[in-house]
Amino acid sequence: MLGLMLRQALSHHDLHGRFEAGLAHIYAASYGSIHRALRQLHEAGEVEQTDDGARTSE
């Protein structure tokens, strides 16, 4: 996820779309698993949430 967010800020929905579009054959990420991972990254200080709800890596 951090690799995807290095290029631009992405919302939860955007991340899910990226997984569905090209990464699903490697890892099938559900909305729940993405949400959990984003929460853990945020709590660890690795990402921050923008005003529009997108996340960006620090």
PDB file of N, CA and C in Angstrom:
ATOM      1  N   MET A   1       0.803  -1.176   0.000  1.00  0.00           N
ATOM      2  CA  MET A   1       0.000   0.000   0.000  1.00  0.00           C
ATOM      3  C   MET A   1       0.854   1.251   0.000  1.00  0.00           C
ATOM      4  N   LEU A   2       1.905   1.238   0.795  1.00  0.00           N
ATOM      5  CA  LEU A   2       2.764   2.422   0.823  1.00  0.00           C
ATOM      6  C   LEU A   2       3.344   2.705  -0.555  1.00  0.00           C
ATOM      7  N   GLY A   3       3.686   1.678  -1.280  1.00  0.00           N
ATOM      8  CA  GLY A   3       4.214   1.867  -2.627  1.00  0.00           C
ATOM      9  C   GLY A   3       3.214   2.538  -3.543  1.00  0.00           C
ATOM     10  N   LEU A   4       1.953   2.168  -3.428  1.00  0.00           N
ATOM     11  CA  LEU A   4       0.915   2.802  -4.234  1.00  0.00           C
ATOM     12  C   LEU A   4       0.730   4.263  -3.839  1.00  0.00           C
ATOM     13  N   MET A   5       0.858   4.559  -2.550  1.00  0.00           N
ATOM     14  CA  MET A   5       0.614   5.913  -2.069  1.00  0.00           C
ATOM     15  C   MET A   5       1.825   6.825  -2.202  1.00  0.00           C
ATOM     16  N   LEU A   6       2.972   6.300  -2.589  1.00  0.00           N
ATOM     17  CA  LEU A   6       4.150   7.145  -2.777  1.00  0.00           C
ATOM     18  C   LEU A   6       3.966   8.101  -3.949  1.00  0.00           C
ATOM     19  N   ARG A   7       3.228   7.682  -4.953  1.00  0.00           N
ATOM     20  CA  ARG A   7       3.038   8.487  -6.152  1.00  0.00           C
ATOM     21  C   ARG A   7       2.012   9.594  -5.963  1.00  0.00           C
ATOM     22  N   GLN A   8       0.947   9.294  -5.195  1.00  0.00           N
ATOM     23  CA  GLN A   8      -0.119  10.279  -4.988  1.00  0.00           C
ATOM     24  C   GLN A   8      -0.979   9.848  -3.810  1.00  0.00           C
ATOM     25  N   ALA A   9      -1.704  10.800  -3.261  1.00  0.00           N
ATOM     26  CA  ALA A   9      -2.639  10.487  -2.183  1.00  0.00           C
ATOM     27  C   ALA A   9      -3.792   9.666  -2.763  1.00  0.00           C
ATOM     28  N   LEU A  10      -4.188   8.624  -2.059  1.00  0.00           N
ATOM     29  CA  LEU A  10      -5.259   7.751  -2.529  1.00  0.00           C
ATOM     30  C   LEU A  10      -6.287   7.538  -1.439  1.00  0.00           C
ATOM     31  N   SER A  11      -7.542   7.485  -1.835  1.00  0.00           N
ATOM     32  CA  SER A  11      -8.606   7.181  -0.885  1.00  0.00           C
ATOM     33  C   SER A  11      -8.708   5.667  -0.723  1.00  0.00           C
ATOM     34  N   HIS A  12      -9.478   5.260   0.243  1.00  0.00           N
ATOM     35  CA  HIS A  12      -9.753   3.842   0.478  1.00  0.00           C
ATOM     36  C   HIS A  12     -10.292   3.208  -0.807  1.00  0.00           C
ATOM     37  N   HIS A  13     -11.253   3.883  -1.428  1.00  0.00           N
ATOM     38  CA  HIS A  13     -11.856   3.389  -2.665  1.00  0.00           C
ATOM     39  C   HIS A  13     -10.815   3.298  -3.792  1.00  0.00           C
ATOM     40  N   ASP A  14      -9.953   4.309  -3.910  1.00  0.00           N
ATOM     41  CA  ASP A  14      -8.895   4.298  -4.926  1.00  0.00           C
ATOM     42  C   ASP A  14      -7.950   3.113  -4.726  1.00  0.00           C
ATOM     43  N   LEU A  15      -7.568   2.869  -3.477  1.00  0.00           N
ATOM     44  CA  LEU A  15      -6.676   1.737  -3.188  1.00  0.00           C
ATOM     45  C   LEU A  15      -7.324   0.419  -3.570  1.00  0.00           C
ATOM     46  N   HIS A  16      -8.594   0.255  -3.224  1.00  0.00           N
ATOM     47  CA  HIS A  16      -9.297  -0.978  -3.569  1.00  0.00           C
ATOM     48  C   HIS A  16      -9.323  -1.156  -5.090  1.00  0.00           C
ATOM     49  N   GLY A  17      -9.573  -0.077  -5.813  1.00  0.00           N
ATOM     50  CA  GLY A  17      -9.576  -0.143  -7.274  1.00  0.00           C
ATOM     51  C   GLY A  17      -8.233  -0.537  -7.844  1.00  0.00           C
ATOM     52  N   ARG A  18      -7.162  -0.034  -7.251  1.00  0.00           N
ATOM     53  CA  ARG A  18      -5.815  -0.399  -7.722  1.00  0.00           C
ATOM     54  C   ARG A  18      -5.543  -1.888  -7.502  1.00  0.00           C
ATOM     55  N   PHE A  19      -5.975  -2.405  -6.359  1.00  0.00           N
ATOM     56  CA  PHE A  19      -5.798  -3.835  -6.109  1.00  0.00           C
ATOM     57  C   PHE A  19      -6.612  -4.644  -7.117  1.00  0.00           C
ATOM     58  N   GLU A  20      -7.851  -4.246  -7.360  1.00  0.00           N
ATOM     59  CA  GLU A  20      -8.710  -4.971  -8.293  1.00  0.00           C
ATOM     60  C   GLU A  20      -8.173  -4.909  -9.720  1.00  0.00           C
ATOM     61  N   ALA A  21      -7.609  -3.774 -10.100  1.00  0.00           N
ATOM     62  CA  ALA A  21      -7.157  -3.572 -11.471  1.00  0.00           C
ATOM     63  C   ALA A  21      -5.871  -4.314 -11.813  1.00  0.00           C
ATOM     64  N   GLY A  22      -5.020  -4.571 -10.845  1.00  0.00           N
ATOM     65  CA  GLY A  22      -3.757  -5.171 -11.233  1.00  0.00           C
ATOM     66  C   GLY A  22      -3.091  -6.049 -10.206  1.00  0.00           C
ATOM     67  N   LEU A  23      -3.476  -5.923  -8.962  1.00  0.00           N
ATOM     68  CA  LEU A  23      -2.788  -6.679  -7.922  1.00  0.00           C
ATOM     69  C   LEU A  23      -3.598  -7.861  -7.398  1.00  0.00           C
ATOM     70  N   ALA A  24      -4.828  -8.004  -7.861  1.00  0.00           N
ATOM     71  CA  ALA A  24      -5.705  -9.053  -7.332  1.00  0.00           C
ATOM     72  C   ALA A  24      -5.151 -10.457  -7.572  1.00  0.00           C
ATOM     73  N   HIS A  25      -4.376 -10.644  -8.618  1.00  0.00           N
ATOM     74  CA  HIS A  25      -3.803 -11.970  -8.871  1.00  0.00           C
ATOM     75  C   HIS A  25      -2.686 -12.296  -7.870  1.00  0.00           C
ATOM     76  N   ILE A  26      -2.159 -11.275  -7.189  1.00  0.00           N
ATOM     77  CA  ILE A  26      -1.137 -11.478  -6.167  1.00  0.00           C
ATOM     78  C   ILE A  26      -1.761 -11.491  -4.776  1.00  0.00           C
ATOM     79  N   TYR A  27      -2.655 -10.510  -4.536  1.00  0.00           N
ATOM     80  CA  TYR A  27      -3.293 -10.387  -3.220  1.00  0.00           C
ATOM     81  C   TYR A  27      -4.680  -9.802  -3.403  1.00  0.00           C
ATOM     82  N   ALA A  28      -5.692 -10.538  -3.012  1.00  0.00           N
ATOM     83  CA  ALA A  28      -7.076 -10.072  -3.106  1.00  0.00           C
ATOM     84  C   ALA A  28      -7.408  -9.311  -1.828  1.00  0.00           C
ATOM     85  N   ALA A  29      -7.411  -7.993  -1.922  1.00  0.00           N
ATOM     86  CA  ALA A  29      -7.648  -7.151  -0.755  1.00  0.00           C
ATOM     87  C   ALA A  29      -9.116  -6.743  -0.684  1.00  0.00           C
ATOM     88  N   SER A  30      -9.747  -7.065   0.409  1.00  0.00           N
ATOM     89  CA  SER A  30     -11.127  -6.642   0.628  1.00  0.00           C
ATOM     90  C   SER A  30     -11.124  -5.221   1.177  1.00  0.00           C
ATOM     91  N   TYR A  31     -12.300  -4.579   1.152  1.00  0.00           N
ATOM     92  CA  TYR A  31     -12.399  -3.242   1.747  1.00  0.00           C
ATOM     93  C   TYR A  31     -11.993  -3.291   3.222  1.00  0.00           C
ATOM     94  N   GLY A  32     -12.382  -4.348   3.923  1.00  0.00           N
ATOM     95  CA  GLY A  32     -12.056  -4.482   5.341  1.00  0.00           C
ATOM     96  C   GLY A  32     -10.571  -4.603   5.590  1.00  0.00           C
ATOM     97  N   SER A  33      -9.881  -5.381   4.772  1.00  0.00           N
ATOM     98  CA  SER A  33      -8.443  -5.547   4.975  1.00  0.00           C
ATOM     99  C   SER A  33      -7.687  -4.263   4.638  1.00  0.00           C
ATOM    100  N   ILE A  34      -8.161  -3.523   3.639  1.00  0.00           N
ATOM    101  CA  ILE A  34      -7.536  -2.246   3.304  1.00  0.00           C
ATOM    102  C   ILE A  34      -7.763  -1.252   4.431  1.00  0.00           C
ATOM    103  N   HIS A  35      -8.983  -1.195   4.945  1.00  0.00           N
ATOM    104  CA  HIS A  35      -9.296  -0.284   6.045  1.00  0.00           C
ATOM    105  C   HIS A  35      -8.426  -0.585   7.266  1.00  0.00           C
ATOM    106  N   ARG A  36      -8.288  -1.842   7.609  1.00  0.00           N
ATOM    107  CA  ARG A  36      -7.478  -2.255   8.760  1.00  0.00           C
ATOM    108  C   ARG A  36      -6.016  -1.862   8.550  1.00  0.00           C
ATOM    109  N   ALA A  37      -5.498  -2.100   7.356  1.00  0.00           N
ATOM    110  CA  ALA A  37      -4.103  -1.762   7.065  1.00  0.00           C
ATOM    111  C   ALA A  37      -3.885  -0.252   7.117  1.00  0.00           C
ATOM    112  N   LEU A  38      -4.823   0.520   6.573  1.00  0.00           N
ATOM    113  CA  LEU A  38      -4.695   1.975   6.624  1.00  0.00           C
ATOM    114  C   LEU A  38      -4.724   2.484   8.058  1.00  0.00           C
ATOM    115  N   ARG A  39      -5.607   1.926   8.867  1.00  0.00           N
ATOM    116  CA  ARG A  39      -5.683   2.329  10.270  1.00  0.00           C
ATOM    117  C   ARG A  39      -4.358   2.035  10.974  1.00  0.00           C
ATOM    118  N   GLN A  40      -3.798   0.850  10.742  1.00  0.00           N
ATOM    119  CA  GLN A  40      -2.534   0.482  11.376  1.00  0.00           C
ATOM    120  C   GLN A  40      -1.395   1.388  10.900  1.00  0.00           C
ATOM    121  N   LEU A  41      -1.366   1.707   9.617  1.00  0.00           N
ATOM    122  CA  LEU A  41      -0.335   2.603   9.089  1.00  0.00           C
ATOM    123  C   LEU A  41      -0.483   4.003   9.677  1.00  0.00           C
ATOM    124  N   HIS A  42      -1.719   4.455   9.816  1.00  0.00           N
ATOM    125  CA  HIS A  42      -1.962   5.778  10.402  1.00  0.00           C
ATOM    126  C   HIS A  42      -1.531   5.813  11.860  1.00  0.00           C
ATOM    127  N   GLU A  43      -1.879   4.788  12.624  1.00  0.00           N
ATOM    128  CA  GLU A  43      -1.497   4.724  14.040  1.00  0.00           C
ATOM    129  C   GLU A  43       0.012   4.662  14.213  1.00  0.00           C
ATOM    130  N   ALA A  44       0.710   4.056  13.240  1.00  0.00           N
ATOM    131  CA  ALA A  44       2.173   3.959  13.299  1.00  0.00           C
ATOM    132  C   ALA A  44       2.846   5.231  12.783  1.00  0.00           C
ATOM    133  N   GLY A  45       2.057   6.174  12.288  1.00  0.00           N
ATOM    134  CA  GLY A  45       2.621   7.420  11.785  1.00  0.00           C
ATOM    135  C   GLY A  45       3.186   7.322  10.386  1.00  0.00           C
ATOM    136  N   GLU A  46       2.858   6.281   9.666  1.00  0.00           N
ATOM    137  CA  GLU A  46       3.389   6.075   8.317  1.00  0.00           C
ATOM    138  C   GLU A  46       2.585   6.806   7.247  1.00  0.00           C
ATOM    139  N   VAL A  47       1.315   7.065   7.503  1.00  0.00           N
ATOM    140  CA  VAL A  47       0.461   7.783   6.555  1.00  0.00           C
ATOM    141  C   VAL A  47      -0.350   8.809   7.328  1.00  0.00           C
ATOM    142  N   GLU A  48      -0.817   9.810   6.603  1.00  0.00           N
ATOM    143  CA  GLU A  48      -1.704  10.792   7.212  1.00  0.00           C
ATOM    144  C   GLU A  48      -2.924  10.948   6.327  1.00  0.00           C
ATOM    145  N   GLN A  49      -4.024  11.334   6.927  1.00  0.00           N
ATOM    146  CA  GLN A  49      -5.269  11.518   6.198  1.00  0.00           C
ATOM    147  C   GLN A  49      -5.409  12.986   5.829  1.00  0.00           C
ATOM    148  N   THR A  50      -5.777  13.252   4.579  1.00  0.00           N
ATOM    149  CA  THR A  50      -5.973  14.611   4.122  1.00  0.00           C
ATOM    150  C   THR A  50      -7.414  15.033   4.387  1.00  0.00           C
ATOM    151  N   ASP A  51      -7.694  16.308   4.177  1.00  0.00           N
ATOM    152  CA  ASP A  51      -9.033  16.830   4.395  1.00  0.00           C
ATOM    153  C   ASP A  51     -10.097  16.149   3.539  1.00  0.00           C
ATOM    154  N   ASP A  52      -9.711  15.711   2.337  1.00  0.00           N
ATOM    155  CA  ASP A  52     -10.678  15.076   1.451  1.00  0.00           C
ATOM    156  C   ASP A  52     -10.809  13.570   1.689  1.00  0.00           C
ATOM    157  N   GLY A  53     -10.129  13.046   2.704  1.00  0.00           N
ATOM    158  CA  GLY A  53     -10.248  11.645   3.053  1.00  0.00           C
ATOM    159  C   GLY A  53      -9.178  10.760   2.434  1.00  0.00           C
ATOM    160  N   ALA A  54      -8.379  11.294   1.523  1.00  0.00           N
ATOM    161  CA  ALA A  54      -7.311  10.506   0.922  1.00  0.00           C
ATOM    162  C   ALA A  54      -6.175  10.367   1.919  1.00  0.00           C
ATOM    163  N   ARG A  55      -5.373   9.331   1.723  1.00  0.00           N
ATOM    164  CA  ARG A  55      -4.203   9.135   2.569  1.00  0.00           C
ATOM    165  C   ARG A  55      -2.956   9.354   1.741  1.00  0.00           C
ATOM    166  N   THR A  56      -1.931   9.811   2.404  1.00  0.00           N
ATOM    167  CA  THR A  56      -0.653  10.009   1.733  1.00  0.00           C
ATOM    168  C   THR A  56       0.456   9.490   2.630  1.00  0.00           C
ATOM    169  N   SER A  57       1.488   8.928   2.028  1.00  0.00           N
ATOM    170  CA  SER A  57       2.615   8.443   2.845  1.00  0.00           C
ATOM    171  C   SER A  57       3.468   9.641   3.221  1.00  0.00           C
ATOM    172  N   GLU A  58       4.085   9.560   4.377  1.00  0.00           N
ATOM    173  CA  GLU A  58       4.908  10.669   4.857  1.00  0.00           C
ATOM    174  C   GLU A  58       6.340  10.506   4.427  1.00  0.00           C
TER     175      GLU A  58
END
